[in-house]
Amino acid sequence: MSVLNTLAFVVFPYLALTTFVVGHLYRYLTNPYDWNSKSSELLDKEGLKIGITIFHWGIIFALLGHGAGLLIPQRYWDALGINSQAHTLFATYSGFVVGAAALLGLALLIYRRISKDRILATTTLNDFVTLGLLFFVVATGFANVVSGLFDHFDILNTIAPWLRGILTLTPDASLMLKVPLRFKIHILAVLTLLGFSPFSRLVHIWSVPLTYLFRRLIVFRRREVSL
C-alpha cells in the first residue's frame, strides 16, 4: 500500500475531522455572535428564494442519502429485502435528482452573488473560497452519479466500509486502492470542505431549524377593540 494512499485516506481524514470538530467548538465558545450564515437577504430578497430553496432541499437529501447508504452496512439492507443491486440503483437515480437540484440551486446562488453589485460589494474572499469549494464538491459528486448511470462501481464494499472504518477508528486505506480517481477527488474535496467549514459561514449548518417540524402550532387571534 502506497504512502500517498495512506496519507490521503487515513491521515488527511483525521486531520480534517479533528479540525471540523475542534474548530466549530472553539468558534462557538469564543465568538457565538458570529455564528450565522451572514445572509444577504436584506440586499436582494426576491433573487434568493428559488436558488436557496432548491439548493438546501437538494443538499439536505443528498447528505441523508450519503448517511443511509454509506454508514449503514449492506447486511441491514439485505434484512429489509433490499439487495446491493437495488440499493445501488436507488442511490444512483435518487442521487441524480437531489444532486441536480443542489447543483442548480448553488449555480443560481453564485450567479446572484456575482451579478448583483450590492451583494458582490459585500462578498469577501472567504465567501468566494467557500462557494468555490462547495460547488466543486457538489459538481464532482453529481459527475460521479452521472457516471454511475453507465458504469456502476462497487461503492458498498469499498468506499462504504472505508468510511465506517474511519469513524470507528479502524481505518483500512487498502479499500481505497482500486477506487476510481473521480471518487477519490470527490472524497478529498469533501474532507477539505469539512476542514475549512469552521472558518467560514458554513457554521450555520448546526442551526438547521429541525425543531420547526415538531414544535406546536402558533395560533394568532385577532383582538377586536370596541370603541
Foldseek 3Di string as FASTA:
>chain_A
DDPVLCCLQPVLLVLLVVLLVVLLVVCCVPPVVLQALPDPCVVPVVLLPQLVVLQVVLVVVLVVLCCVLQADAQVVVVVVVQHPVNNLVVSLVVNLVSLVSNLVSLVSVVCVCVVDPVNVVVDDPLNVVLSVLVNVLSVLSNVVSVVCVPDPDPCNQAVRVQVNCNVVVNHDSVSCPPPDPSVSVNVSSVSVSSSCCSVHSNSCVVVPPPCVVPDDDDDDDDDDDDD
